[in-house]
Amino acid sequence: MKKIVQIRRKGKVKKARPVQVMELKGYGALELDSKVALIQELIPLGLMHVKEVLQEEVKKLAGERYKRDGLPGHDRWGKQRGFVYIKDQRIPIMVQRVRDTVNDREVTPSAYERLQRPSDDDEGVLKKMFHGLSCRNYRECAEAIPEALSLSSSTVSRRYIRASSRKLRDLMERRLNGYDFMAIVLDGKSFGDDEMIIAIGITREGKKVMLGIVQSAAENSRVYREFLLELIERGLGYERGLLCVIDGAKGLRKAINEVFGRWGVVQRCHWHKRENVVSYLPKGIQSTFRQKLQSVYSKGSYEEAKRALKAIRAELCVINESAVNSLDEGLEETLTLHRLGLYRELGRSFTTTNMIESILAQIGQKTDKVDYWKNSNQKQRWMATSLLYIEQRLNRVNGYRHLVQLRQAIQKEMSMKSEAA
């Protein structure tokens, strides 16, 4: 029984017209401009080679036309409608049938069977969906040729889920043994009622590496602790010293202390500290104190910055005690790079969480298009896909040549504390 390739639109069945495929000899006779135009449209060239491969296999099975010089009992048996996949497009073609008359059965060329399966990695669909093409518009945006059977919305959805699931697995199972991390940056992005916490590692060469994600409904030290322990299980090294850049979340700070101990040196984000302090002040003076705090944190030496912060603290004591308490909380950790003597060299990259904030903004360009999150797995697949896509385009951190000095400074400080104890 002959197979007929069909597509359904608005409840009606419509037969897809087989593509007219150019012969290779016809392609060879074309003018240069025409060849270039075809080369730029890779699908017609692909179809020519599809036809050539299928014809060669038919010759091996049934021999040349009218010569019967193939395998014993194998004959050409007319043609039928069929299809092949090129890229992620299902394209109808006419296929030569071959019959084994001895065993009374039809023989399908192995090449044809393989060409009927779409690409295993689904990367084409993943990239199109990731860049904003919806399932329902996929058919209209097919890039092949008019006769192509573009994928249905359900097929596109399934292939995207498969591809993005692999991205999530790649991220969460990535081995970290081969990296020499000097610092990690941790922050989160909101997805409805949930917080997706992200960790990014900075290598000795200044490369930014996505370490993993964890979903949490609140800032919970247990969640952070288990997340950090899971990173260690995958090979994250911290025993030689690791700078941890955080926004000041108490649960995260507690987890770093429990997991990394004295080797996890915390740098609090200047921006978060500044905004937390000024939020307690009247609006009329917020701008003034914001500028003062920014000026203080821009000072090059630890002694200068500490002295200036004490002066601001004295001013705040008269205005708002809550602002003073906010400034005091974790104050010393906002000056970590100053204390290590590397503010001028590494302050631009590591005194704020701007590094990860920029990445979160890029993630938002992808994930904010989703109006409804069906489940946790969908959130994590989108997040992992976004992170791995962005990772390929990230530049090295500013001042990366001084990262070796950062480790040396941390180790020196830890040794001095051990001797003092």
Protein backbone atom coordinates (compact mmCIF):
# COMPACT_ATOMS: atom_id res chain seq x y z
CA MET A 1 0.00 0.00 0.00
CA LYS A 2 1.44 3.34 -1.02
CA LYS A 3 2.22 5.87 1.70
CA ILE A 4 0.89 9.39 1.23
CA VAL A 5 2.48 12.27 3.10
CA GLN A 6 -0.24 14.50 4.49
CA ILE A 7 -0.56 17.65 6.56
CA ARG A 8 -3.60 18.81 8.47
CA ARG A 9 -4.71 22.42 8.53
CA LYS A 10 -7.88 23.66 10.17
CA GLY A 11 -9.42 20.22 10.22
CA LYS A 12 -8.79 19.50 6.52
CA VAL A 13 -6.33 17.02 5.05
CA LYS A 14 -4.07 18.36 2.36
CA LYS A 15 -1.59 16.34 0.30
CA ALA A 16 1.93 17.76 0.25
CA ARG A 17 3.35 18.16 -3.25
CA PRO A 18 6.69 16.29 -3.69
CA VAL A 19 9.70 18.52 -4.28
CA GLN A 20 11.20 18.69 -7.74
CA VAL A 21 14.87 17.84 -7.15
CA MET A 22 17.56 19.09 -9.55
CA GLU A 23 19.97 16.53 -11.02
CA LEU A 24 23.64 16.99 -10.15
CA LYS A 25 24.55 17.30 -13.82
CA GLY A 26 22.01 20.10 -14.13
CA TYR A 27 23.58 21.84 -11.16
CA GLY A 28 27.01 21.57 -12.79
CA ALA A 29 25.76 23.34 -15.91
CA LEU A 30 24.47 26.38 -14.03
CA GLU A 31 26.06 29.80 -14.20
CA LEU A 32 28.27 30.80 -11.26
CA ASP A 33 25.73 33.29 -9.90
CA SER A 34 23.04 30.63 -9.92
CA LYS A 35 25.30 28.16 -8.12
CA VAL A 36 26.13 30.72 -5.45
CA ALA A 37 22.43 31.41 -4.94
CA LEU A 38 21.79 27.69 -4.43
CA ILE A 39 24.77 27.31 -2.11
CA GLN A 40 23.32 30.10 0.02
CA GLU A 41 20.12 28.04 0.21
CA LEU A 42 21.61 24.84 1.63
CA ILE A 43 18.40 22.85 1.50
CA PRO A 44 18.23 22.50 -2.33
CA LEU A 45 21.84 21.28 -2.31
CA GLY A 46 20.99 18.88 0.47
CA LEU A 47 18.11 17.50 -1.57
CA MET A 48 20.40 16.86 -4.52
CA HIS A 49 22.70 14.81 -2.35
CA VAL A 50 19.76 13.02 -0.77
CA LYS A 51 18.64 11.96 -4.23
CA GLU A 52 22.16 10.87 -5.18
CA VAL A 53 22.58 8.76 -2.01
CA LEU A 54 19.22 7.07 -2.47
CA GLN A 55 19.89 6.35 -6.14
CA GLU A 56 23.27 4.79 -5.34
CA GLU A 57 21.71 2.48 -2.76
CA VAL A 58 18.92 1.49 -5.13
CA LYS A 59 21.57 0.62 -7.74
CA LYS A 60 23.32 -1.66 -5.25
CA LEU A 61 20.05 -3.41 -4.46
CA ALA A 62 18.31 -3.59 -7.85
CA GLY A 63 21.08 -2.60 -10.30
CA GLU A 64 20.93 -0.11 -13.13
CA ARG A 65 17.57 0.58 -14.66
CA TYR A 66 16.56 -2.12 -17.21
CA LYS A 67 19.78 -4.13 -16.60
CA ARG A 68 18.85 -6.29 -13.58
CA ASP A 69 22.46 -6.42 -12.40
CA GLY A 70 21.76 -5.94 -8.69
CA LEU A 71 21.17 -8.49 -5.95
CA PRO A 72 19.38 -11.68 -7.07
CA GLY A 73 15.61 -11.29 -6.98
CA HIS A 74 15.67 -7.54 -6.26
CA ASP A 75 13.69 -5.39 -8.69
CA ARG A 76 12.62 -1.78 -8.98
CA TRP A 77 8.96 -1.58 -8.06
CA GLY A 78 7.67 1.82 -9.05
CA LYS A 79 7.75 4.97 -6.90
CA GLN A 80 5.80 6.28 -3.98
CA ARG A 81 5.49 9.43 -1.96
CA GLY A 82 7.83 9.70 1.03
CA PHE A 83 9.72 12.28 3.03
CA VAL A 84 13.15 13.12 4.43
CA TYR A 85 14.37 15.52 7.10
CA ILE A 86 16.82 18.29 6.23
CA LYS A 87 17.73 20.40 9.24
CA ASP A 88 14.45 20.31 11.17
CA GLN A 89 12.23 20.41 8.06
CA ARG A 90 10.20 17.43 6.88
CA ILE A 91 10.30 17.53 3.08
CA PRO A 92 8.15 15.31 0.81
CA ILE A 93 9.92 13.54 -2.08
CA MET A 94 9.27 10.69 -4.50
CA VAL A 95 11.06 7.50 -3.44
CA GLN A 96 12.06 4.54 -5.62
CA ARG A 97 10.66 1.27 -4.26
CA VAL A 98 12.66 -1.98 -4.30
CA ARG A 99 11.10 -5.40 -3.89
CA ASP A 100 12.69 -8.73 -2.97
CA THR A 101 10.63 -11.03 -5.21
CA VAL A 102 12.24 -14.18 -3.79
CA ASN A 103 11.07 -13.50 -0.23
CA ASP A 104 8.04 -11.48 -1.35
CA ARG A 105 8.83 -8.41 0.69
CA GLU A 106 9.68 -4.76 0.16
CA VAL A 107 13.24 -3.59 0.89
CA THR A 108 13.75 -0.10 2.31
CA PRO A 109 17.16 1.49 1.66
CA SER A 110 18.96 2.07 4.97
CA ALA A 111 19.88 5.62 3.94
CA TYR A 112 16.20 6.43 3.45
CA GLU A 113 15.36 5.12 6.93
CA ARG A 114 18.07 7.29 8.45
CA LEU A 115 16.98 10.40 6.55
CA GLN A 116 13.45 9.98 7.90
CA ARG A 117 14.68 10.76 11.42
CA PRO A 118 15.27 14.37 12.47
CA SER A 119 18.56 15.41 14.04
CA ASP A 120 19.07 13.71 17.38
CA ASP A 121 20.32 16.81 19.23
CA ASP A 122 17.30 19.04 18.49
CA GLU A 123 19.64 22.05 18.65
CA GLY A 124 17.95 23.77 15.71
CA VAL A 125 14.56 23.76 17.41
CA LEU A 126 16.13 24.73 20.74
CA LYS A 127 17.81 27.82 19.29
CA LYS A 128 14.69 28.96 17.43
CA MET A 129 12.47 28.54 20.49
CA PHE A 130 15.07 30.14 22.74
CA HIS A 131 15.22 33.20 20.52
CA GLY A 132 11.50 33.77 20.82
CA LEU A 133 9.80 31.68 18.15
CA SER A 134 6.64 30.16 19.61
CA CYS A 135 5.40 26.65 18.93
CA ARG A 136 2.25 27.87 17.20
CA ASN A 137 4.22 30.07 14.77
CA TYR A 138 6.82 27.47 13.90
CA ARG A 139 5.04 26.26 10.75
CA GLU A 140 4.71 29.78 9.36
CA CYS A 141 8.39 30.52 10.07
CA ALA A 142 9.76 27.38 8.40
CA GLU A 143 12.92 28.29 6.51
CA ALA A 144 13.04 25.46 3.98
CA ILE A 145 10.97 25.57 0.81
CA PRO A 146 7.24 25.92 0.08
CA GLU A 147 6.67 22.17 -0.14
CA ALA A 148 8.31 21.46 3.23
CA LEU A 149 6.22 20.01 6.02
CA SER A 150 7.31 22.15 8.97
CA LEU A 151 6.92 20.66 12.42
CA SER A 152 3.66 20.76 14.36
CA SER A 153 3.50 22.76 17.59
CA SER A 154 3.36 19.60 19.70
CA THR A 155 6.43 18.14 17.95
CA VAL A 156 8.34 21.40 18.41
CA SER A 157 7.38 21.46 22.08
CA ARG A 158 8.54 17.88 22.64
CA ARG A 159 11.84 18.49 20.88
CA TYR A 160 12.43 21.70 22.85
CA ILE A 161 11.75 19.88 26.11
CA ARG A 162 14.20 17.13 25.17
CA ALA A 163 16.92 19.60 24.19
CA SER A 164 16.46 21.90 27.19
CA SER A 165 16.38 18.89 29.54
CA ARG A 166 19.82 17.94 28.25
CA LYS A 167 21.01 21.49 28.94
CA LEU A 168 19.74 21.27 32.52
CA ARG A 169 21.48 17.93 32.98
CA ASP A 170 24.70 19.29 31.47
CA LEU A 171 24.68 22.22 33.91
CA MET A 172 23.76 20.29 37.05
CA GLU A 173 26.14 17.37 36.37
CA ARG A 174 29.09 19.41 35.08
CA ARG A 175 32.31 18.28 36.71
CA LEU A 176 34.26 21.14 38.30
CA ASN A 177 37.52 19.32 39.03
CA GLY A 178 39.29 20.70 36.00
CA TYR A 179 38.82 24.35 37.00
CA ASP A 180 40.97 26.40 39.35
CA PHE A 181 38.41 28.79 40.84
CA MET A 182 39.55 32.00 42.51
CA ALA A 183 36.09 33.41 43.30
CA ILE A 184 32.39 32.65 43.10
CA VAL A 185 29.47 35.05 42.80
CA LEU A 186 26.02 34.09 44.10
CA ASP A 187 22.68 35.81 43.57
CA GLY A 188 19.10 34.98 42.65
CA LYS A 189 16.32 35.72 40.18
CA SER A 190 12.60 35.65 40.98
CA PHE A 191 10.24 33.31 39.13
CA GLY A 192 6.83 34.07 40.56
CA ASP A 193 6.89 32.98 44.20
CA ASP A 194 10.21 31.18 43.81
CA GLU A 195 13.80 32.35 43.87
CA MET A 196 16.28 30.72 41.47
CA ILE A 197 19.73 31.00 43.06
CA ILE A 198 22.66 31.03 40.65
CA ALA A 199 26.36 30.41 41.27
CA ILE A 200 29.09 31.57 38.87
CA GLY A 201 32.73 30.62 39.29
CA ILE A 202 35.71 32.75 38.22
CA THR A 203 38.75 30.76 37.12
CA ARG A 204 42.43 31.62 37.44
CA GLU A 205 42.30 32.91 33.83
CA GLY A 206 39.30 35.16 34.56
CA LYS A 207 36.79 32.96 32.76
CA LYS A 208 33.19 32.92 34.05
CA VAL A 209 31.79 29.41 34.47
CA MET A 210 28.18 28.59 35.35
CA LEU A 211 28.30 26.30 38.39
CA GLY A 212 24.65 25.50 38.96
CA ILE A 213 21.24 26.62 40.15
CA VAL A 214 18.92 25.82 43.04
CA GLN A 215 15.26 26.71 43.48
CA SER A 216 14.04 28.04 46.81
CA ALA A 217 10.94 29.80 48.08
CA ALA A 218 12.93 31.83 50.64
CA GLU A 219 16.46 32.75 51.73
CA ASN A 220 17.10 29.57 53.69
CA SER A 221 20.57 28.74 55.02
CA ARG A 222 19.85 25.01 54.70
CA VAL A 223 19.09 25.37 50.98
CA TYR A 224 22.26 27.41 50.43
CA ARG A 225 24.32 24.94 52.47
CA GLU A 226 23.13 21.90 50.50
CA PHE A 227 23.72 23.78 47.26
CA LEU A 228 27.33 24.59 48.17
CA LEU A 229 27.96 21.03 49.35
CA GLU A 230 26.62 19.72 46.03
CA LEU A 231 29.09 21.99 44.19
CA ILE A 232 31.93 20.57 46.30
CA GLU A 233 30.80 17.02 45.47
CA ARG A 234 31.10 17.92 41.79
CA GLY A 235 34.67 19.08 42.32
CA LEU A 236 34.58 22.73 43.42
CA GLY A 237 37.86 23.41 45.21
CA TYR A 238 38.03 25.97 48.03
CA GLU A 239 40.84 24.77 50.31
CA ARG A 240 43.37 27.24 48.86
CA GLY A 241 41.07 30.22 49.41
CA LEU A 242 37.95 31.40 47.62
CA LEU A 243 36.51 34.92 47.42
CA CYS A 244 32.71 34.76 47.77
CA VAL A 245 30.86 37.80 46.41
CA ILE A 246 27.32 38.02 47.82
CA ASP A 247 24.53 40.56 48.23
CA GLY A 248 24.45 40.24 52.02
CA ALA A 249 21.73 37.59 52.50
CA LYS A 250 22.16 36.26 56.04
CA GLY A 251 21.23 32.69 55.11
CA LEU A 252 23.84 32.62 52.37
CA ARG A 253 26.48 34.15 54.65
CA LYS A 254 25.81 31.48 57.28
CA ALA A 255 26.02 28.68 54.70
CA ILE A 256 29.37 29.95 53.38
CA ASN A 257 30.78 29.95 56.90
CA GLU A 258 29.49 26.42 57.58
CA VAL A 259 30.70 24.91 54.29
CA PHE A 260 33.89 26.80 53.36
CA GLY A 261 34.98 27.77 56.86
CA ARG A 262 37.89 30.19 57.06
CA TRP A 263 38.74 29.60 53.38
CA GLY A 264 35.56 31.25 52.20
CA VAL A 265 36.41 34.97 52.31
CA VAL A 266 33.27 37.09 51.84
CA GLN A 267 33.06 40.34 49.90
CA ARG A 268 29.72 42.10 50.46
CA CYS A 269 28.22 43.98 47.54
CA HIS A 270 28.74 47.75 47.87
CA TRP A 271 25.60 48.53 45.89
CA HIS A 272 23.32 46.42 48.11
CA LYS A 273 24.88 47.81 51.29
CA ARG A 274 24.50 51.39 50.09
CA GLU A 275 20.85 50.92 49.05
CA ASN A 276 19.98 49.12 52.29
CA VAL A 277 21.38 51.98 54.37
CA VAL A 278 19.76 54.85 52.45
CA SER A 279 16.39 53.08 52.40
CA TYR A 280 16.02 54.01 56.12
CA LEU A 281 16.60 57.71 55.44
CA PRO A 282 14.15 60.46 54.37
CA LYS A 283 13.96 60.77 50.60
CA GLY A 284 15.32 64.30 50.69
CA ILE A 285 18.76 63.16 51.93
CA GLN A 286 18.97 59.71 50.32
CA SER A 287 20.85 61.01 47.28
CA THR A 288 23.40 62.83 49.47
CA PHE A 289 24.26 59.77 51.55
CA ARG A 290 24.24 57.54 48.51
CA GLN A 291 26.97 59.71 46.98
CA LYS A 292 28.91 59.81 50.26
CA LEU A 293 28.92 56.03 50.62
CA GLN A 294 29.91 55.61 46.99
CA SER A 295 32.80 58.04 47.50
CA VAL A 296 33.96 56.15 50.59
CA TYR A 297 33.97 52.76 48.86
CA SER A 298 35.95 54.25 45.97
CA LYS A 299 38.92 55.05 48.20
CA GLY A 300 41.96 52.95 47.43
CA SER A 301 43.25 52.05 50.91
CA TYR A 302 41.59 50.16 53.75
CA GLU A 303 42.54 52.77 56.37
CA GLU A 304 41.06 55.66 54.37
CA ALA A 305 37.83 53.84 53.63
CA LYS A 306 37.39 52.68 57.24
CA ARG A 307 38.02 56.17 58.61
CA ALA A 308 35.51 57.72 56.18
CA LEU A 309 32.86 55.10 57.03
CA LYS A 310 33.22 55.93 60.73
CA ALA A 311 32.59 59.60 59.89
CA ILE A 312 29.41 58.71 57.97
CA ARG A 313 28.32 56.49 60.85
CA ALA A 314 28.63 59.43 63.23
CA GLU A 315 26.39 61.52 60.96
CA LEU A 316 23.80 58.75 60.75
CA CYS A 317 23.67 58.35 64.53
CA VAL A 318 21.96 61.74 64.72
CA ILE A 319 19.53 61.00 61.90
CA ASN A 320 18.44 57.34 62.09
CA GLU A 321 19.64 54.52 64.36
CA SER A 322 18.19 51.87 62.02
CA ALA A 323 20.40 53.17 59.22
CA VAL A 324 23.38 52.90 61.59
CA ASN A 325 22.51 49.27 62.39
CA SER A 326 22.22 48.52 58.68
CA LEU A 327 25.65 50.07 58.05
CA ASP A 328 27.26 48.17 60.94
CA GLU A 329 25.92 44.78 59.81
CA GLY A 330 28.68 43.12 57.79
CA LEU A 331 30.58 46.43 57.48
CA GLU A 332 34.01 44.81 57.59
CA GLU A 333 33.08 42.42 54.77
CA THR A 334 32.30 45.35 52.47
CA LEU A 335 36.00 46.25 52.79
CA THR A 336 37.46 42.80 52.11
CA LEU A 337 39.28 43.76 48.90
CA HIS A 338 40.48 46.97 50.55
CA ARG A 339 41.88 44.93 53.43
CA LEU A 340 43.57 42.48 51.05
CA GLY A 341 45.21 45.42 49.24
CA LEU A 342 43.62 44.65 45.86
CA TYR A 343 40.78 47.14 45.58
CA ARG A 344 42.38 49.12 42.74
CA GLU A 345 43.17 45.95 40.78
CA LEU A 346 39.97 43.93 41.33
CA GLY A 347 37.43 46.36 42.80
CA ARG A 348 35.63 46.91 39.51
CA SER A 349 34.81 43.21 39.18
CA PHE A 350 34.41 41.96 42.74
CA THR A 351 33.03 44.70 45.03
CA THR A 352 29.49 44.32 43.67
CA THR A 353 27.32 41.54 42.27
CA ASN A 354 27.01 43.49 39.00
CA MET A 355 28.72 40.62 37.22
CA ILE A 356 25.79 38.33 37.93
CA GLU A 357 23.18 41.12 37.73
CA SER A 358 24.19 41.62 34.09
CA ILE A 359 23.72 37.93 33.43
CA LEU A 360 20.34 37.97 35.18
CA ALA A 361 19.26 40.83 32.92
CA GLN A 362 20.17 38.74 29.87
CA ILE A 363 18.26 35.78 31.31
CA GLY A 364 15.26 38.04 31.75
CA GLN A 365 15.29 38.82 28.02
CA LYS A 366 14.58 35.11 27.45
CA THR A 367 12.55 33.99 30.46
CA ASP A 368 10.43 37.12 30.92
CA LYS A 369 8.65 36.22 27.67
CA VAL A 370 7.06 33.25 29.41
CA ASP A 371 3.71 34.33 30.87
CA TYR A 372 2.92 31.10 32.68
CA TRP A 373 5.27 28.63 34.33
CA LYS A 374 3.70 25.17 34.40
CA ASN A 375 6.08 23.51 36.84
CA SER A 376 9.50 23.60 38.48
CA ASN A 377 11.16 21.57 35.73
CA GLN A 378 10.13 24.13 33.11
CA LYS A 379 11.67 26.98 35.15
CA GLN A 380 14.92 25.12 35.65
CA ARG A 381 15.17 24.06 31.98
CA TRP A 382 14.74 27.63 30.78
CA MET A 383 17.22 28.92 33.36
CA ALA A 384 19.86 26.29 32.53
CA THR A 385 19.48 26.82 28.78
CA SER A 386 19.81 30.59 29.23
CA LEU A 387 22.89 30.29 31.43
CA LEU A 388 24.76 27.93 29.11
CA TYR A 389 23.87 30.07 26.10
CA ILE A 390 25.06 33.26 27.81
CA GLU A 391 28.21 31.60 29.14
CA GLN A 392 29.60 31.20 25.62
CA ARG A 393 29.50 34.97 25.10
CA LEU A 394 30.95 36.22 28.39
CA ASN A 395 34.21 38.12 28.54
CA ARG A 396 36.88 37.58 31.14
CA VAL A 397 36.61 39.65 34.31
CA ASN A 398 38.39 42.98 34.56
CA GLY A 399 41.72 42.66 36.31
CA TYR A 400 41.99 38.90 35.76
CA ARG A 401 45.80 39.15 35.66
CA HIS A 402 45.72 39.94 39.39
CA LEU A 403 43.69 36.90 40.44
CA VAL A 404 46.82 35.00 41.44
CA GLN A 405 47.61 37.85 43.83
CA LEU A 406 44.10 37.50 45.26
CA ARG A 407 44.75 33.91 46.25
CA GLN A 408 48.12 34.79 47.72
CA ALA A 409 46.54 37.61 49.76
CA ILE A 410 43.79 35.30 51.07
CA GLN A 411 46.31 32.63 52.03
CA LYS A 412 48.52 35.19 53.75
CA GLU A 413 45.57 36.54 55.77
CA MET A 414 44.48 33.04 56.76
CA SER A 415 48.01 32.18 57.88
CA MET A 416 48.21 35.33 59.99
CA LYS A 417 44.89 34.51 61.66
CA SER A 418 46.06 30.96 62.38
CA GLU A 419 49.25 32.22 63.99
CA ALA A 420 47.33 34.75 66.07
CA ALA A 421 44.98 32.02 67.29
